[in-house]
Amino acid sequence: MQVQLEATVAGDPPLPVYSLALGNPRASAGLGIFGGVHGLERIGTQVVLAWLHTLVTRLHWDQALHRLLEDVRLVFMPIVNPGGMLRHTRANPNGVDLMRNAPVDAVDPVPLLVGGQRISAGLPWYRGPRGMPMEAESAALCAVAERELQGRAFSLALDCHSGFGMADRLWFPYAHRRSPIPQLAQLHALHAIFHESNHHHPYVFEPQSHQYLTHGDLWDHLCLRALDRPGTVFLPLTLEMGSWLWVKKNPRQLFSRRGIFNPLIAHRQQRVLRRHLPLLEFALRAAASWQHWLPQGEQCEDHHRMALDRWYRRAP
């Protein structure tokens, strides 16, 4: 395992942002697992760390895992926003929402405030000052994605969040416009093999634009950057765990800022950590076997047409 310091967040004390990598540095495929972009959403980091712990403890006996890691470069950023997590805030210590911080302006209308605002760091969803560089944490996430993932023939990213709705969702870009992402055919093929091999999975797989649009989405920014790398496929997904289910079962959580975004009862937390392990294992195997399912030629056209029918030609 390689551990690298990606950034240091100024403060008292200064806080490090780390990445951890496993697997073949020269592999044709990459998988990135990210958590803790929003400091209040601790369960995302806990899901990432739980799977990382599982992999590390398997390394001394699981030869099948070693063979997989010959074909995949696996990189983790468990806590992208350590300052927010320490302070129990969604934003980083500068008051910036890292998922509104990229230099991408929405093409279509966004909801007031929620879609990103530059009025004040004292209000939620602050994008940061206009014209300034991205925050250190945002820049670190983008640097890791570009260094470890986007240079490969195929790469997947999964960013773990919580706090939206009554269902677990797998969102894919775009968040800044309603039109489809160029990699729509490949995303549909990924959805197809996931659904076929996990028929009773709990996830709603959909474009983020079905729910709301935003300025400054980091994954939109990285998708647009990836277009400058012909011959590669980069597919980012956001796991948005439906935390309203936890509140429904334990309404007292509404009176805790952390409780709105995290399961506070121990057995529910353990259940959540178990719930998403099959998704993470699937992502690893899909990345390792990308040449066997990624559509080519006419298959791309078929998947693109089916994706339009599924996600863009009917009301969400």
Protein backbone atom coordinates (compact mmCIF):
# COMPACT_ATOMS: atom_id res chain seq x y z
CA MET A 1 0.00 0.00 0.00
CA GLN A 2 1.23 3.49 -0.84
CA VAL A 3 0.15 6.42 1.34
CA GLN A 4 0.61 9.94 0.01
CA LEU A 5 0.01 13.35 1.55
CA GLU A 6 -2.10 15.23 -1.01
CA ALA A 7 -2.71 18.51 0.83
CA THR A 8 -2.47 20.18 4.22
CA VAL A 9 -5.47 22.19 5.36
CA ALA A 10 -4.44 25.35 7.20
CA GLY A 11 -5.74 25.65 10.75
CA ASP A 12 -5.00 24.94 14.37
CA PRO A 13 -3.94 22.22 14.11
CA PRO A 14 -3.13 21.85 10.37
CA LEU A 15 -4.90 18.79 8.98
CA PRO A 16 -3.58 16.38 6.35
CA VAL A 17 -5.50 15.03 3.34
CA TYR A 18 -4.21 11.59 2.39
CA SER A 19 -4.63 9.16 -0.47
CA LEU A 20 -3.96 5.42 -0.20
CA ALA A 21 -3.27 3.24 -3.23
CA LEU A 22 -3.20 -0.50 -3.84
CA GLY A 23 -2.62 -2.52 -6.95
CA ASN A 24 -0.63 -2.29 -10.13
CA PRO A 25 0.49 1.28 -10.95
CA ARG A 26 0.60 0.33 -14.64
CA ALA A 27 -2.83 -1.35 -14.77
CA SER A 28 -5.12 -0.41 -17.64
CA ALA A 29 -8.02 0.10 -15.21
CA GLY A 30 -8.47 2.25 -12.11
CA LEU A 31 -11.02 2.51 -9.32
CA GLY A 32 -11.21 5.47 -6.96
CA ILE A 33 -13.24 5.44 -3.73
CA PHE A 34 -13.81 8.82 -2.05
CA GLY A 35 -15.52 9.91 1.16
CA GLY A 36 -15.84 12.79 3.58
CA VAL A 37 -16.26 15.55 0.99
CA HIS A 38 -18.91 16.99 3.30
CA GLY A 39 -17.78 17.01 6.91
CA LEU A 40 -21.20 16.19 8.37
CA GLU A 41 -21.56 13.02 6.31
CA ARG A 42 -19.39 10.74 8.43
CA ILE A 43 -21.09 7.57 7.26
CA GLY A 44 -19.56 8.01 3.80
CA THR A 45 -16.05 7.94 5.28
CA GLN A 46 -17.01 4.99 7.48
CA VAL A 47 -18.20 3.00 4.43
CA VAL A 48 -14.91 3.73 2.64
CA LEU A 49 -12.81 2.76 5.66
CA ALA A 50 -14.83 -0.41 6.30
CA TRP A 51 -14.15 -1.70 2.80
CA LEU A 52 -10.50 -0.61 2.93
CA HIS A 53 -10.12 -2.56 6.19
CA THR A 54 -11.72 -5.60 4.56
CA LEU A 55 -9.30 -5.48 1.62
CA VAL A 56 -6.19 -4.98 3.75
CA THR A 57 -7.05 -7.90 6.04
CA ARG A 58 -7.59 -10.13 2.97
CA LEU A 59 -4.23 -9.33 1.42
CA HIS A 60 -2.30 -11.94 3.44
CA TRP A 61 -4.52 -14.87 2.35
CA ASP A 62 -6.73 -13.93 -0.64
CA GLN A 63 -4.83 -14.83 -3.81
CA ALA A 64 -7.87 -14.00 -5.96
CA LEU A 65 -7.69 -10.43 -4.62
CA HIS A 66 -4.00 -10.26 -5.52
CA ARG A 67 -4.84 -11.31 -9.07
CA LEU A 68 -7.53 -8.63 -9.27
CA LEU A 69 -5.07 -6.00 -8.10
CA GLU A 70 -2.76 -6.92 -10.96
CA ASP A 71 -5.46 -5.61 -13.28
CA VAL A 72 -6.67 -2.58 -11.28
CA ARG A 73 -5.10 0.43 -9.61
CA LEU A 74 -7.20 1.06 -6.51
CA VAL A 75 -7.02 4.45 -4.79
CA PHE A 76 -8.83 5.72 -1.68
CA MET A 77 -9.42 9.19 -0.25
CA PRO A 78 -11.45 8.40 2.89
CA ILE A 79 -11.57 11.96 4.31
CA VAL A 80 -11.39 14.67 1.68
CA ASN A 81 -12.59 17.36 4.11
CA PRO A 82 -10.93 16.69 7.50
CA GLY A 83 -11.52 20.26 8.68
CA GLY A 84 -15.26 20.00 8.12
CA MET A 85 -15.37 16.66 9.84
CA LEU A 86 -13.49 18.00 12.86
CA ARG A 87 -15.80 21.04 13.06
CA HIS A 88 -19.01 19.09 12.30
CA THR A 89 -19.77 21.24 9.25
CA ARG A 90 -20.72 20.43 5.68
CA ALA A 91 -18.24 23.00 4.36
CA ASN A 92 -14.49 23.16 4.88
CA PRO A 93 -12.97 25.54 7.48
CA ASN A 94 -13.16 28.40 4.95
CA GLY A 95 -16.92 27.92 4.70
CA VAL A 96 -16.71 26.52 1.16
CA ASP A 97 -18.87 23.61 0.04
CA LEU A 98 -16.31 21.51 -1.82
CA MET A 99 -18.95 20.03 -4.11
CA ARG A 100 -19.84 23.54 -5.33
CA ASN A 101 -16.21 24.64 -5.70
CA ALA A 102 -15.18 23.60 -9.21
CA PRO A 103 -14.94 26.17 -12.04
CA VAL A 104 -18.13 24.95 -13.72
CA ASP A 105 -21.20 27.17 -14.07
CA ALA A 106 -24.56 25.54 -14.65
CA VAL A 107 -26.03 25.89 -18.12
CA ASP A 108 -29.60 25.29 -16.93
CA PRO A 109 -31.29 26.97 -13.94
CA VAL A 110 -30.30 25.77 -10.46
CA PRO A 111 -32.35 25.93 -7.25
CA LEU A 112 -31.79 29.01 -5.10
CA LEU A 113 -28.84 28.59 -2.69
CA VAL A 114 -28.80 24.77 -2.97
CA GLY A 115 -27.37 25.04 -6.47
CA GLY A 116 -24.38 27.00 -5.17
CA GLN A 117 -24.05 30.64 -4.15
CA ARG A 118 -21.33 33.30 -3.83
CA ILE A 119 -23.22 35.58 -1.45
CA SER A 120 -21.52 34.60 1.80
CA ALA A 121 -19.54 31.83 3.48
CA GLY A 122 -22.04 32.24 6.32
CA LEU A 123 -24.73 30.65 4.17
CA PRO A 124 -24.71 26.98 3.11
CA TRP A 125 -23.61 25.82 -0.35
CA TYR A 126 -21.03 28.62 -0.70
CA ARG A 127 -18.93 28.22 -3.85
CA GLY A 128 -15.99 30.37 -2.78
CA PRO A 129 -14.90 33.77 -4.16
CA ARG A 130 -15.24 34.20 -7.89
CA GLY A 131 -11.98 33.84 -9.81
CA MET A 132 -10.04 32.22 -6.96
CA PRO A 133 -8.34 28.81 -7.23
CA MET A 134 -10.17 25.79 -5.92
CA GLU A 135 -9.84 24.99 -2.23
CA ALA A 136 -6.91 22.77 -1.27
CA GLU A 137 -9.21 19.81 -0.59
CA SER A 138 -11.07 20.13 -3.91
CA ALA A 139 -7.81 20.48 -5.81
CA ALA A 140 -6.41 17.40 -4.03
CA LEU A 141 -9.40 15.25 -5.03
CA CYS A 142 -9.09 16.39 -8.64
CA ALA A 143 -5.33 15.79 -8.66
CA VAL A 144 -5.75 12.24 -7.38
CA ALA A 145 -8.49 11.47 -9.91
CA GLU A 146 -6.41 12.83 -12.79
CA ARG A 147 -3.17 11.16 -11.68
CA GLU A 148 -4.48 7.75 -10.64
CA LEU A 149 -7.60 7.28 -12.77
CA GLN A 150 -7.97 9.38 -15.88
CA GLY A 151 -4.75 8.33 -17.61
CA ARG A 152 -5.93 4.72 -17.83
CA ALA A 153 -7.94 3.07 -20.58
CA PHE A 154 -10.85 2.64 -18.16
CA SER A 155 -11.59 4.05 -14.73
CA LEU A 156 -14.44 4.22 -12.25
CA ALA A 157 -14.92 6.57 -9.30
CA LEU A 158 -17.37 6.24 -6.43
CA ASP A 159 -17.92 9.20 -4.09
CA CYS A 160 -19.80 8.30 -0.89
CA HIS A 161 -22.32 10.82 0.50
CA SER A 162 -25.50 10.79 2.58
CA GLY A 163 -28.48 12.99 3.24
CA PHE A 164 -30.91 12.85 0.34
CA GLY A 165 -34.27 11.10 0.25
CA MET A 166 -35.73 7.79 1.32
CA ALA A 167 -33.69 5.61 -1.06
CA ASP A 168 -30.03 4.96 -1.76
CA ARG A 169 -29.12 6.46 -5.11
CA LEU A 170 -26.28 6.09 -7.58
CA TRP A 171 -25.98 9.38 -9.42
CA PHE A 172 -23.93 10.07 -12.50
CA PRO A 173 -23.11 13.45 -14.11
CA TYR A 174 -24.07 15.93 -15.24
CA ALA A 175 -25.09 18.20 -12.37
CA HIS A 176 -24.63 21.44 -14.35
CA ARG A 177 -26.96 20.64 -17.25
CA ARG A 178 -29.83 18.33 -18.15
CA SER A 179 -28.35 17.02 -21.40
CA PRO A 180 -26.70 13.57 -21.33
CA ILE A 181 -23.06 12.91 -20.55
CA PRO A 182 -20.95 11.79 -23.56
CA GLN A 183 -20.21 8.46 -21.82
CA LEU A 184 -23.92 7.63 -21.58
CA ALA A 185 -23.62 4.31 -23.47
CA GLN A 186 -20.85 3.10 -21.18
CA LEU A 187 -22.81 4.11 -18.07
CA HIS A 188 -25.84 2.22 -19.33
CA ALA A 189 -23.73 -0.87 -19.92
CA LEU A 190 -22.36 -0.58 -16.37
CA HIS A 191 -25.91 -0.24 -15.03
CA ALA A 192 -26.96 -3.30 -17.04
CA ILE A 193 -24.28 -5.63 -15.66
CA PHE A 194 -24.85 -4.32 -12.15
CA HIS A 195 -28.59 -4.94 -12.33
CA GLU A 196 -28.11 -8.37 -13.88
CA SER A 197 -25.64 -9.51 -11.22
CA ASN A 198 -27.36 -7.78 -8.26
CA HIS A 199 -30.99 -8.10 -9.20
CA HIS A 200 -32.35 -7.19 -5.75
CA HIS A 201 -30.06 -4.23 -5.13
CA PRO A 202 -31.53 -1.22 -3.26
CA TYR A 203 -30.24 1.58 -5.52
CA VAL A 204 -31.94 4.08 -7.80
CA PHE A 205 -29.46 4.53 -10.68
CA GLU A 206 -30.05 7.87 -12.41
CA PRO A 207 -28.55 11.16 -13.63
CA GLN A 208 -28.15 13.68 -10.84
CA SER A 209 -30.04 16.15 -13.03
CA HIS A 210 -33.22 14.18 -12.31
CA GLN A 211 -33.12 15.59 -8.77
CA TYR A 212 -31.45 19.01 -8.94
CA LEU A 213 -28.74 20.96 -10.76
CA THR A 214 -25.76 22.74 -9.25
CA HIS A 215 -22.85 24.96 -10.07
CA GLY A 216 -19.32 23.83 -9.32
CA ASP A 217 -19.69 20.05 -9.18
CA LEU A 218 -16.24 18.43 -8.94
CA TRP A 219 -17.24 15.34 -10.93
CA ASP A 220 -18.66 17.46 -13.75
CA HIS A 221 -15.37 19.32 -13.81
CA LEU A 222 -13.41 16.08 -13.99
CA CYS A 223 -15.70 14.66 -16.69
CA LEU A 224 -15.15 17.74 -18.82
CA ARG A 225 -11.38 17.48 -18.26
CA ALA A 226 -11.48 13.80 -19.25
CA LEU A 227 -12.78 14.74 -22.70
CA ASP A 228 -9.23 15.93 -23.45
CA ARG A 229 -7.99 12.32 -23.07
CA PRO A 230 -9.14 10.44 -26.20
CA GLY A 231 -9.13 6.67 -25.99
CA THR A 232 -9.99 6.61 -22.29
CA VAL A 233 -13.27 6.08 -20.42
CA PHE A 234 -13.88 7.74 -17.04
CA LEU A 235 -17.15 6.96 -15.23
CA PRO A 236 -17.78 8.76 -11.91
CA LEU A 237 -20.68 7.78 -9.67
CA THR A 238 -21.97 9.32 -6.45
CA LEU A 239 -23.46 7.05 -3.81
CA GLU A 240 -26.08 9.18 -2.08
CA MET A 241 -27.28 7.21 0.93
CA GLY A 242 -30.89 7.98 1.79
CA SER A 243 -30.56 9.27 5.33
CA TRP A 244 -34.25 10.14 5.66
CA LEU A 245 -34.78 6.43 6.34
CA TRP A 246 -32.67 6.71 9.49
CA VAL A 247 -34.60 9.78 10.63
CA LYS A 248 -37.91 8.01 9.97
CA LYS A 249 -36.88 5.14 12.24
CA ASN A 250 -35.42 7.45 14.89
CA PRO A 251 -37.11 10.89 14.68
CA ARG A 252 -34.99 12.24 17.56
CA GLN A 253 -32.11 12.42 15.07
CA LEU A 254 -33.74 15.54 13.64
CA PHE A 255 -32.49 17.42 16.69
CA SER A 256 -28.86 16.54 15.94
CA ARG A 257 -26.95 18.02 13.00
CA ARG A 258 -25.01 14.79 12.69
CA GLY A 259 -28.16 12.73 13.04
CA ILE A 260 -29.72 14.12 9.86
CA PHE A 261 -26.87 12.66 7.82
CA ASN A 262 -25.74 9.58 9.77
CA PRO A 263 -27.28 6.55 11.49
CA LEU A 264 -26.71 7.24 15.19
CA ILE A 265 -27.85 3.87 16.55
CA ALA A 266 -25.03 1.30 16.51
CA HIS A 267 -26.88 -1.60 14.88
CA ARG A 268 -28.16 0.66 12.09
CA GLN A 269 -24.66 1.92 11.43
CA GLN A 270 -23.40 -1.67 11.17
CA ARG A 271 -26.24 -2.49 8.81
CA VAL A 272 -25.32 0.43 6.55
CA LEU A 273 -21.67 -0.61 6.49
CA ARG A 274 -22.68 -4.13 5.42
CA ARG A 275 -25.27 -2.90 2.93
CA HIS A 276 -22.82 -1.27 0.53
CA LEU A 277 -20.03 -3.86 0.51
CA PRO A 278 -21.53 -5.72 -2.50
CA LEU A 279 -21.55 -2.45 -4.47
CA LEU A 280 -17.87 -1.84 -3.73
CA GLU A 281 -16.92 -5.41 -4.59
CA PHE A 282 -18.86 -5.10 -7.83
CA ALA A 283 -17.03 -1.88 -8.71
CA LEU A 284 -13.66 -3.59 -8.23
CA ARG A 285 -14.60 -6.55 -10.41
CA ALA A 286 -16.23 -4.38 -13.07
CA ALA A 287 -13.08 -2.28 -13.31
CA ALA A 288 -10.86 -5.37 -13.53
CA SER A 289 -13.03 -6.91 -16.27
CA TRP A 290 -13.86 -3.77 -18.24
CA GLN A 291 -12.75 -5.25 -21.56
CA HIS A 292 -15.43 -7.95 -21.28
CA TRP A 293 -18.45 -5.69 -20.85
CA LEU A 294 -17.62 -2.19 -22.12
CA PRO A 295 -19.60 -1.70 -25.35
CA GLN A 296 -17.87 -1.10 -28.67
CA GLY A 297 -19.11 -0.06 -32.12
CA GLU A 298 -22.76 -0.84 -32.72
CA GLN A 299 -23.15 -1.93 -29.10
CA CYS A 300 -22.46 1.68 -28.08
CA GLU A 301 -25.26 2.89 -30.30
CA ASP A 302 -27.65 0.32 -28.81
CA HIS A 303 -26.74 1.24 -25.24
CA HIS A 304 -26.97 4.95 -25.99
CA ARG A 305 -30.48 4.51 -27.39
CA MET A 306 -31.58 2.40 -24.42
CA ALA A 307 -30.10 4.95 -22.01
CA LEU A 308 -32.02 7.78 -23.64
CA ASP A 309 -35.21 5.74 -23.35
CA ARG A 310 -34.52 4.91 -19.71
CA TRP A 311 -33.34 8.27 -18.37
CA TYR A 312 -34.08 11.12 -20.77
CA ARG A 313 -37.27 10.47 -22.74
CA ARG A 314 -39.66 10.21 -19.86
CA ALA A 315 -40.39 12.17 -16.72
CA PRO A 316 -37.99 11.27 -13.87
